[in-house]
Amino acid sequence: MDSQTVALIGILCTVLGAVIGVLSYNRNRDKDVKSDASDSAVIRTKLDNINSGVESIRIDIKAQEMRVTDLSERVIRGGINKTSA
């Protein structure tokens, strides 16, 4: 083989390696983007569930506060009625 053939084969192998490298990079990048999107969706779903739980707890606490207020008013009224009688 002469030196021109060897140089041409070397250049072709270099170009082929570069093309394969770029294609592999793009493929892996797409997989990473899909994986990140999936992880982000899972995190959003979990945060939405946590938010719903917190809202439910707030509603329960407000209802409990109303019951305690009502009960304390009844206790106070009951104490007033007993002392005046």
PDB file of N, CA and C in Angstrom:
ATOM      1  N   MET A   1       0.841  -1.170   0.000  1.00  0.00           N
ATOM      2  CA  MET A   1       0.000   0.000   0.000  1.00  0.00           C
ATOM      3  C   MET A   1       0.894   1.243   0.000  1.00  0.00           C
ATOM      4  N   ASP A   2       0.445   2.198  -0.726  1.00  0.00           N
ATOM      5  CA  ASP A   2       1.213   3.437  -0.723  1.00  0.00           C
ATOM      6  C   ASP A   2       0.718   4.364   0.383  1.00  0.00           C
ATOM      7  N   SER A   3       1.417   5.442   0.610  1.00  0.00           N
ATOM      8  CA  SER A   3       1.120   6.329   1.731  1.00  0.00           C
ATOM      9  C   SER A   3      -0.206   7.066   1.535  1.00  0.00           C
ATOM     10  N   GLN A   4      -0.611   7.306   0.302  1.00  0.00           N
ATOM     11  CA  GLN A   4      -1.886   7.983   0.059  1.00  0.00           C
ATOM     12  C   GLN A   4      -3.064   7.093   0.468  1.00  0.00           C
ATOM     13  N   THR A   5      -2.981   5.811   0.203  1.00  0.00           N
ATOM     14  CA  THR A   5      -4.044   4.883   0.572  1.00  0.00           C
ATOM     15  C   THR A   5      -4.151   4.776   2.086  1.00  0.00           C
ATOM     16  N   VAL A   6      -3.037   4.692   2.754  1.00  0.00           N
ATOM     17  CA  VAL A   6      -3.027   4.609   4.210  1.00  0.00           C
ATOM     18  C   VAL A   6      -3.611   5.890   4.808  1.00  0.00           C
ATOM     19  N   ALA A   7      -3.245   7.048   4.263  1.00  0.00           N
ATOM     20  CA  ALA A   7      -3.763   8.319   4.758  1.00  0.00           C
ATOM     21  C   ALA A   7      -5.274   8.403   4.516  1.00  0.00           C
ATOM     22  N   LEU A   8      -5.730   7.934   3.338  1.00  0.00           N
ATOM     23  CA  LEU A   8      -7.161   7.955   3.023  1.00  0.00           C
ATOM     24  C   LEU A   8      -7.948   7.049   3.959  1.00  0.00           C
ATOM     25  N   ILE A   9      -7.414   5.878   4.254  1.00  0.00           N
ATOM     26  CA  ILE A   9      -8.071   4.958   5.192  1.00  0.00           C
ATOM     27  C   ILE A   9      -8.108   5.583   6.585  1.00  0.00           C
ATOM     28  N   GLY A  10      -7.048   6.225   6.990  1.00  0.00           N
ATOM     29  CA  GLY A  10      -7.000   6.890   8.292  1.00  0.00           C
ATOM     30  C   GLY A  10      -8.029   8.000   8.386  1.00  0.00           C
ATOM     31  N   ILE A  11      -8.149   8.806   7.341  1.00  0.00           N
ATOM     32  CA  ILE A  11      -9.128   9.893   7.327  1.00  0.00           C
ATOM     33  C   ILE A  11     -10.544   9.337   7.362  1.00  0.00           C
ATOM     34  N   LEU A  12     -10.812   8.284   6.570  1.00  0.00           N
ATOM     35  CA  LEU A  12     -12.153   7.673   6.565  1.00  0.00           C
ATOM     36  C   LEU A  12     -12.509   7.105   7.937  1.00  0.00           C
ATOM     37  N   CYS A  13     -11.564   6.459   8.590  1.00  0.00           N
ATOM     38  CA  CYS A  13     -11.823   5.906   9.925  1.00  0.00           C
ATOM     39  C   CYS A  13     -12.082   7.025  10.929  1.00  0.00           C
ATOM     40  N   THR A  14     -11.343   8.115  10.807  1.00  0.00           N
ATOM     41  CA  THR A  14     -11.546   9.253  11.709  1.00  0.00           C
ATOM     42  C   THR A  14     -12.928   9.860  11.514  1.00  0.00           C
ATOM     43  N   VAL A  15     -13.311  10.049  10.249  1.00  0.00           N
ATOM     44  CA  VAL A  15     -14.635  10.614   9.957  1.00  0.00           C
ATOM     45  C   VAL A  15     -15.716   9.666  10.442  1.00  0.00           C
ATOM     46  N   LEU A  16     -15.573   8.377  10.182  1.00  0.00           N
ATOM     47  CA  LEU A  16     -16.561   7.387  10.619  1.00  0.00           C
ATOM     48  C   LEU A  16     -16.664   7.368  12.142  1.00  0.00           C
ATOM     49  N   GLY A  17     -15.553   7.448  12.832  1.00  0.00           N
ATOM     50  CA  GLY A  17     -15.565   7.494  14.298  1.00  0.00           C
ATOM     51  C   GLY A  17     -16.265   8.738  14.814  1.00  0.00           C
ATOM     52  N   ALA A  18     -16.022   9.869  14.152  1.00  0.00           N
ATOM     53  CA  ALA A  18     -16.676  11.113  14.561  1.00  0.00           C
ATOM     54  C   ALA A  18     -18.186  11.020  14.347  1.00  0.00           C
ATOM     55  N   VAL A  19     -18.625  10.464  13.227  1.00  0.00           N
ATOM     56  CA  VAL A  19     -20.064  10.313  12.951  1.00  0.00           C
ATOM     57  C   VAL A  19     -20.701   9.395  13.984  1.00  0.00           C
ATOM     58  N   ILE A  20     -20.071   8.293  14.277  1.00  0.00           N
ATOM     59  CA  ILE A  20     -20.605   7.359  15.279  1.00  0.00           C
ATOM     60  C   ILE A  20     -20.660   8.038  16.649  1.00  0.00           C
ATOM     61  N   GLY A  21     -19.649   8.820  16.985  1.00  0.00           N
ATOM     62  CA  GLY A  21     -19.632   9.533  18.261  1.00  0.00           C
ATOM     63  C   GLY A  21     -20.772  10.534  18.368  1.00  0.00           C
ATOM     64  N   VAL A  22     -21.019  11.293  17.303  1.00  0.00           N
ATOM     65  CA  VAL A  22     -22.107  12.274  17.306  1.00  0.00           C
ATOM     66  C   VAL A  22     -23.458  11.574  17.420  1.00  0.00           C
ATOM     67  N   LEU A  23     -23.643  10.489  16.673  1.00  0.00           N
ATOM     68  CA  LEU A  23     -24.913   9.752  16.734  1.00  0.00           C
ATOM     69  C   LEU A  23     -25.147   9.168  18.131  1.00  0.00           C
ATOM     70  N   SER A  24     -24.090   8.630  18.735  1.00  0.00           N
ATOM     71  CA  SER A  24     -24.217   8.078  20.093  1.00  0.00           C
ATOM     72  C   SER A  24     -24.547   9.176  21.088  1.00  0.00           C
ATOM     73  N   TYR A  25     -23.918  10.330  20.941  1.00  0.00           N
ATOM     74  CA  TYR A  25     -24.183  11.459  21.838  1.00  0.00           C
ATOM     75  C   TYR A  25     -25.646  11.895  21.736  1.00  0.00           C
ATOM     76  N   ASN A  26     -26.148  12.032  20.516  1.00  0.00           N
ATOM     77  CA  ASN A  26     -27.542  12.442  20.327  1.00  0.00           C
ATOM     78  C   ASN A  26     -28.516  11.425  20.904  1.00  0.00           C
ATOM     79  N   ARG A  27     -28.223  10.157  20.707  1.00  0.00           N
ATOM     80  CA  ARG A  27     -29.108   9.107  21.223  1.00  0.00           C
ATOM     81  C   ARG A  27     -29.143   9.126  22.749  1.00  0.00           C
ATOM     82  N   ASN A  28     -27.991   9.225  23.363  1.00  0.00           N
ATOM     83  CA  ASN A  28     -27.926   9.246  24.824  1.00  0.00           C
ATOM     84  C   ASN A  28     -28.539  10.530  25.386  1.00  0.00           C
ATOM     85  N   ARG A  29     -28.364  11.645  24.687  1.00  0.00           N
ATOM     86  CA  ARG A  29     -28.952  12.901  25.131  1.00  0.00           C
ATOM     87  C   ARG A  29     -30.480  12.795  25.126  1.00  0.00           C
ATOM     88  N   ASP A  30     -31.055  12.188  24.081  1.00  0.00           N
ATOM     89  CA  ASP A  30     -32.505  12.015  24.011  1.00  0.00           C
ATOM     90  C   ASP A  30     -33.007  11.125  25.145  1.00  0.00           C
ATOM     91  N   LYS A  31     -32.256  10.083  25.452  1.00  0.00           N
ATOM     92  CA  LYS A  31     -32.633   9.208  26.569  1.00  0.00           C
ATOM     93  C   LYS A  31     -32.599   9.969  27.891  1.00  0.00           C
ATOM     94  N   ASP A  32     -31.574  10.797  28.065  1.00  0.00           N
ATOM     95  CA  ASP A  32     -31.464  11.585  29.292  1.00  0.00           C
ATOM     96  C   ASP A  32     -32.612  12.574  29.421  1.00  0.00           C
ATOM     97  N   VAL A  33     -32.987  13.195  28.310  1.00  0.00           N
ATOM     98  CA  VAL A  33     -34.092  14.152  28.337  1.00  0.00           C
ATOM     99  C   VAL A  33     -35.396  13.439  28.702  1.00  0.00           C
ATOM    100  N   LYS A  34     -35.628  12.273  28.129  1.00  0.00           N
ATOM    101  CA  LYS A  34     -36.834  11.501  28.446  1.00  0.00           C
ATOM    102  C   LYS A  34     -36.834  11.072  29.905  1.00  0.00           C
ATOM    103  N   SER A  35     -35.683  10.651  30.382  1.00  0.00           N
ATOM    104  CA  SER A  35     -35.580  10.230  31.776  1.00  0.00           C
ATOM    105  C   SER A  35     -35.820  11.406  32.721  1.00  0.00           C
ATOM    106  N   ASP A  36     -35.245  12.556  32.405  1.00  0.00           N
ATOM    107  CA  ASP A  36     -35.457  13.745  33.240  1.00  0.00           C
ATOM    108  C   ASP A  36     -36.911  14.178  33.233  1.00  0.00           C
ATOM    109  N   ALA A  37     -37.553  14.099  32.070  1.00  0.00           N
ATOM    110  CA  ALA A  37     -38.965  14.469  31.976  1.00  0.00           C
ATOM    111  C   ALA A  37     -39.820  13.521  32.802  1.00  0.00           C
ATOM    112  N   SER A  38     -39.500  12.246  32.756  1.00  0.00           N
ATOM    113  CA  SER A  38     -40.242  11.258  33.535  1.00  0.00           C
ATOM    114  C   SER A  38     -40.064  11.500  35.030  1.00  0.00           C
ATOM    115  N   ASP A  39     -38.832  11.741  35.439  1.00  0.00           N
ATOM    116  CA  ASP A  39     -38.564  12.024  36.859  1.00  0.00           C
ATOM    117  C   ASP A  39     -39.288  13.288  37.309  1.00  0.00           C
ATOM    118  N   SER A  40     -39.284  14.297  36.461  1.00  0.00           N
ATOM    119  CA  SER A  40     -39.953  15.550  36.790  1.00  0.00           C
ATOM    120  C   SER A  40     -41.460  15.335  36.933  1.00  0.00           C
ATOM    121  N   ALA A  41     -42.038  14.512  36.071  1.00  0.00           N
ATOM    122  CA  ALA A  41     -43.477  14.228  36.164  1.00  0.00           C
ATOM    123  C   ALA A  41     -43.800  13.498  37.466  1.00  0.00           C
ATOM    124  N   VAL A  42     -42.959  12.564  37.853  1.00  0.00           N
ATOM    125  CA  VAL A  42     -43.179  11.830  39.101  1.00  0.00           C
ATOM    126  C   VAL A  42     -43.098  12.784  40.295  1.00  0.00           C
ATOM    127  N   ILE A  43     -42.111  13.667  40.271  1.00  0.00           N
ATOM    128  CA  ILE A  43     -41.952  14.628  41.370  1.00  0.00           C
ATOM    129  C   ILE A  43     -43.153  15.557  41.445  1.00  0.00           C
ATOM    130  N   ARG A  44     -43.618  16.043  40.282  1.00  0.00           N
ATOM    131  CA  ARG A  44     -44.802  16.916  40.283  1.00  0.00           C
ATOM    132  C   ARG A  44     -46.012  16.201  40.845  1.00  0.00           C
ATOM    133  N   THR A  45     -46.195  14.949  40.452  1.00  0.00           N
ATOM    134  CA  THR A  45     -47.335  14.183  40.950  1.00  0.00           C
ATOM    135  C   THR A  45     -47.260  14.016  42.461  1.00  0.00           C
ATOM    136  N   LYS A  46     -46.086  13.712  42.965  1.00  0.00           N
ATOM    137  CA  LYS A  46     -45.925  13.553  44.406  1.00  0.00           C
ATOM    138  C   LYS A  46     -46.167  14.870  45.140  1.00  0.00           C
ATOM    139  N   LEU A  47     -45.678  15.960  44.577  1.00  0.00           N
ATOM    140  CA  LEU A  47     -45.907  17.269  45.203  1.00  0.00           C
ATOM    141  C   LEU A  47     -47.392  17.624  45.195  1.00  0.00           C
ATOM    142  N   ASP A  48     -48.084  17.292  44.112  1.00  0.00           N
ATOM    143  CA  ASP A  48     -49.533  17.540  44.069  1.00  0.00           C
ATOM    144  C   ASP A  48     -50.251  16.727  45.140  1.00  0.00           C
ATOM    145  N   ASN A  49     -49.828  15.481  45.326  1.00  0.00           N
ATOM    146  CA  ASN A  49     -50.440  14.649  46.365  1.00  0.00           C
ATOM    147  C   ASN A  49     -50.159  15.216  47.757  1.00  0.00           C
ATOM    148  N   ILE A  50     -48.943  15.685  47.979  1.00  0.00           N
ATOM    149  CA  ILE A  50     -48.603  16.287  49.270  1.00  0.00           C
ATOM    150  C   ILE A  50     -49.437  17.544  49.486  1.00  0.00           C
ATOM    151  N   ASN A  51     -49.568  18.350  48.446  1.00  0.00           N
ATOM    152  CA  ASN A  51     -50.361  19.571  48.544  1.00  0.00           C
ATOM    153  C   ASN A  51     -51.814  19.251  48.881  1.00  0.00           C
ATOM    154  N   SER A  52     -52.365  18.228  48.253  1.00  0.00           N
ATOM    155  CA  SER A  52     -53.741  17.828  48.560  1.00  0.00           C
ATOM    156  C   SER A  52     -53.871  17.387  50.012  1.00  0.00           C
ATOM    157  N   GLY A  53     -52.885  16.651  50.507  1.00  0.00           N
ATOM    158  CA  GLY A  53     -52.902  16.210  51.898  1.00  0.00           C
ATOM    159  C   GLY A  53     -52.836  17.380  52.857  1.00  0.00           C
ATOM    160  N   VAL A  54     -51.998  18.361  52.540  1.00  0.00           N
ATOM    161  CA  VAL A  54     -51.871  19.539  53.402  1.00  0.00           C
ATOM    162  C   VAL A  54     -53.180  20.317  53.413  1.00  0.00           C
ATOM    163  N   GLU A  55     -53.798  20.480  52.264  1.00  0.00           N
ATOM    164  CA  GLU A  55     -55.083  21.190  52.198  1.00  0.00           C
ATOM    165  C   GLU A  55     -56.143  20.454  53.017  1.00  0.00           C
ATOM    166  N   SER A  56     -56.151  19.143  52.940  1.00  0.00           N
ATOM    167  CA  SER A  56     -57.103  18.348  53.716  1.00  0.00           C
ATOM    168  C   SER A  56     -56.866  18.537  55.216  1.00  0.00           C
ATOM    169  N   ILE A  57     -55.616  18.554  55.606  1.00  0.00           N
ATOM    170  CA  ILE A  57     -55.280  18.763  57.028  1.00  0.00           C
ATOM    171  C   ILE A  57     -55.720  20.149  57.473  1.00  0.00           C
ATOM    172  N   ARG A  58     -55.521  21.154  56.633  1.00  0.00           N
ATOM    173  CA  ARG A  58     -55.971  22.515  56.975  1.00  0.00           C
ATOM    174  C   ARG A  58     -57.475  22.556  57.203  1.00  0.00           C
ATOM    175  N   ILE A  59     -58.211  21.914  56.326  1.00  0.00           N
ATOM    176  CA  ILE A  59     -59.670  21.888  56.471  1.00  0.00           C
ATOM    177  C   ILE A  59     -60.059  21.194  57.770  1.00  0.00           C
ATOM    178  N   ASP A  60     -59.402  20.081  58.062  1.00  0.00           N
ATOM    179  CA  ASP A  60     -59.678  19.358  59.309  1.00  0.00           C
ATOM    180  C   ASP A  60     -59.353  20.209  60.533  1.00  0.00           C
ATOM    181  N   ILE A  61     -58.243  20.947  60.473  1.00  0.00           N
ATOM    182  CA  ILE A  61     -57.853  21.788  61.610  1.00  0.00           C
ATOM    183  C   ILE A  61     -58.867  22.907  61.810  1.00  0.00           C
ATOM    184  N   LYS A  62     -59.324  23.520  60.729  1.00  0.00           N
ATOM    185  CA  LYS A  62     -60.326  24.585  60.853  1.00  0.00           C
ATOM    186  C   LYS A  62     -61.618  24.046  61.447  1.00  0.00           C
ATOM    187  N   ALA A  63     -62.040  22.865  61.012  1.00  0.00           N
ATOM    188  CA  ALA A  63     -63.253  22.259  61.560  1.00  0.00           C
ATOM    189  C   ALA A  63     -63.065  21.949  63.043  1.00  0.00           C
ATOM    190  N   GLN A  64     -61.878  21.452  63.398  1.00  0.00           N
ATOM    191  CA  GLN A  64     -61.592  21.144  64.802  1.00  0.00           C
ATOM    192  C   GLN A  64     -61.605  22.417  65.644  1.00  0.00           C
ATOM    193  N   GLU A  65     -61.026  23.488  65.103  1.00  0.00           N
ATOM    194  CA  GLU A  65     -61.031  24.760  65.827  1.00  0.00           C
ATOM    195  C   GLU A  65     -62.451  25.253  66.059  1.00  0.00           C
ATOM    196  N   MET A  66     -63.301  25.093  65.075  1.00  0.00           N
ATOM    197  CA  MET A  66     -64.697  25.513  65.221  1.00  0.00           C
ATOM    198  C   MET A  66     -65.400  24.692  66.297  1.00  0.00           C
ATOM    199  N   ARG A  67     -65.122  23.390  66.321  1.00  0.00           N
ATOM    200  CA  ARG A  67     -65.729  22.530  67.341  1.00  0.00           C
ATOM    201  C   ARG A  67     -65.245  22.915  68.734  1.00  0.00           C
ATOM    202  N   VAL A  68     -63.965  23.206  68.874  1.00  0.00           N
ATOM    203  CA  VAL A  68     -63.412  23.599  70.173  1.00  0.00           C
ATOM    204  C   VAL A  68     -64.014  24.932  70.609  1.00  0.00           C
ATOM    205  N   THR A  69     -64.105  25.872  69.686  1.00  0.00           N
ATOM    206  CA  THR A  69     -64.715  27.171  70.010  1.00  0.00           C
ATOM    207  C   THR A  69     -66.159  26.994  70.444  1.00  0.00           C
ATOM    208  N   ASP A  70     -66.905  26.192  69.714  1.00  0.00           N
ATOM    209  CA  ASP A  70     -68.307  25.933  70.057  1.00  0.00           C
ATOM    210  C   ASP A  70     -68.409  25.271  71.427  1.00  0.00           C
ATOM    211  N   LEU A  71     -67.560  24.287  71.675  1.00  0.00           N
ATOM    212  CA  LEU A  71     -67.590  23.597  72.961  1.00  0.00           C
ATOM    213  C   LEU A  71     -67.224  24.546  74.100  1.00  0.00           C
ATOM    214  N   SER A  72     -66.219  25.385  73.904  1.00  0.00           N
ATOM    215  CA  SER A  72     -65.833  26.304  74.973  1.00  0.00           C
ATOM    216  C   SER A  72     -66.933  27.325  75.234  1.00  0.00           C
ATOM    217  N   GLU A  73     -67.641  27.748  74.197  1.00  0.00           N
ATOM    218  CA  GLU A  73     -68.776  28.660  74.409  1.00  0.00           C
ATOM    219  C   GLU A  73     -69.884  27.968  75.205  1.00  0.00           C
ATOM    220  N   ARG A  74     -70.138  26.709  74.912  1.00  0.00           N
ATOM    221  CA  ARG A  74     -71.170  25.977  75.653  1.00  0.00           C
ATOM    222  C   ARG A  74     -70.753  25.765  77.101  1.00  0.00           C
ATOM    223  N   VAL A  75     -69.476  25.495  77.316  1.00  0.00           N
ATOM    224  CA  VAL A  75     -68.989  25.309  78.691  1.00  0.00           C
ATOM    225  C   VAL A  75     -69.124  26.607  79.465  1.00  0.00           C
ATOM    226  N   ILE A  76     -68.761  27.722  78.837  1.00  0.00           N
ATOM    227  CA  ILE A  76     -68.881  29.025  79.500  1.00  0.00           C
ATOM    228  C   ILE A  76     -70.340  29.328  79.811  1.00  0.00           C
ATOM    229  N   ARG A  77     -71.247  29.097  78.866  1.00  0.00           N
ATOM    230  CA  ARG A  77     -72.668  29.344  79.103  1.00  0.00           C
ATOM    231  C   ARG A  77     -73.200  28.455  80.218  1.00  0.00           C
ATOM    232  N   GLY A  78     -72.762  27.204  80.226  1.00  0.00           N
ATOM    233  CA  GLY A  78     -73.198  26.268  81.268  1.00  0.00           C
ATOM    234  C   GLY A  78     -72.712  26.712  82.631  1.00  0.00           C
ATOM    235  N   GLY A  79     -71.502  27.241  82.723  1.00  0.00           N
ATOM    236  CA  GLY A  79     -70.956  27.732  83.989  1.00  0.00           C
ATOM    237  C   GLY A  79     -71.689  28.969  84.461  1.00  0.00           C
ATOM    238  N   ILE A  80     -72.076  29.833  83.557  1.00  0.00           N
ATOM    239  CA  ILE A  80     -72.800  31.051  83.915  1.00  0.00           C
ATOM    240  C   ILE A  80     -74.192  30.696  84.432  1.00  0.00           C
ATOM    241  N   ASN A  81     -74.849  29.775  83.774  1.00  0.00           N
ATOM    242  CA  ASN A  81     -76.187  29.367  84.183  1.00  0.00           C
ATOM    243  C   ASN A  81     -76.181  28.739  85.576  1.00  0.00           C
ATOM    244  N   LYS A  82     -75.159  27.959  85.892  1.00  0.00           N
ATOM    245  CA  LYS A  82     -75.092  27.293  87.190  1.00  0.00           C
ATOM    246  C   LYS A  82     -74.829  28.307  88.313  1.00  0.00           C
ATOM    247  N   THR A  83     -73.995  29.295  88.042  1.00  0.00           N
ATOM    248  CA  THR A  83     -73.670  30.266  89.104  1.00  0.00           C
ATOM    249  C   THR A  83     -74.817  31.235  89.370  1.00  0.00           C
ATOM    250  N   SER A  84     -75.637  31.502  88.356  1.00  0.00           N
ATOM    251  CA  SER A  84     -76.731  32.433  88.549  1.00  0.00           C
ATOM    252  C   SER A  84     -77.933  31.764  89.186  1.00  0.00           C
ATOM    253  N   ALA A  85     -78.007  30.456  89.188  1.00  0.00           N
ATOM    254  CA  ALA A  85     -79.172  29.767  89.724  1.00  0.00           C
ATOM    255  C   ALA A  85     -79.133  29.561  91.167  1.00  0.00           C
TER     256      ALA A  85
END
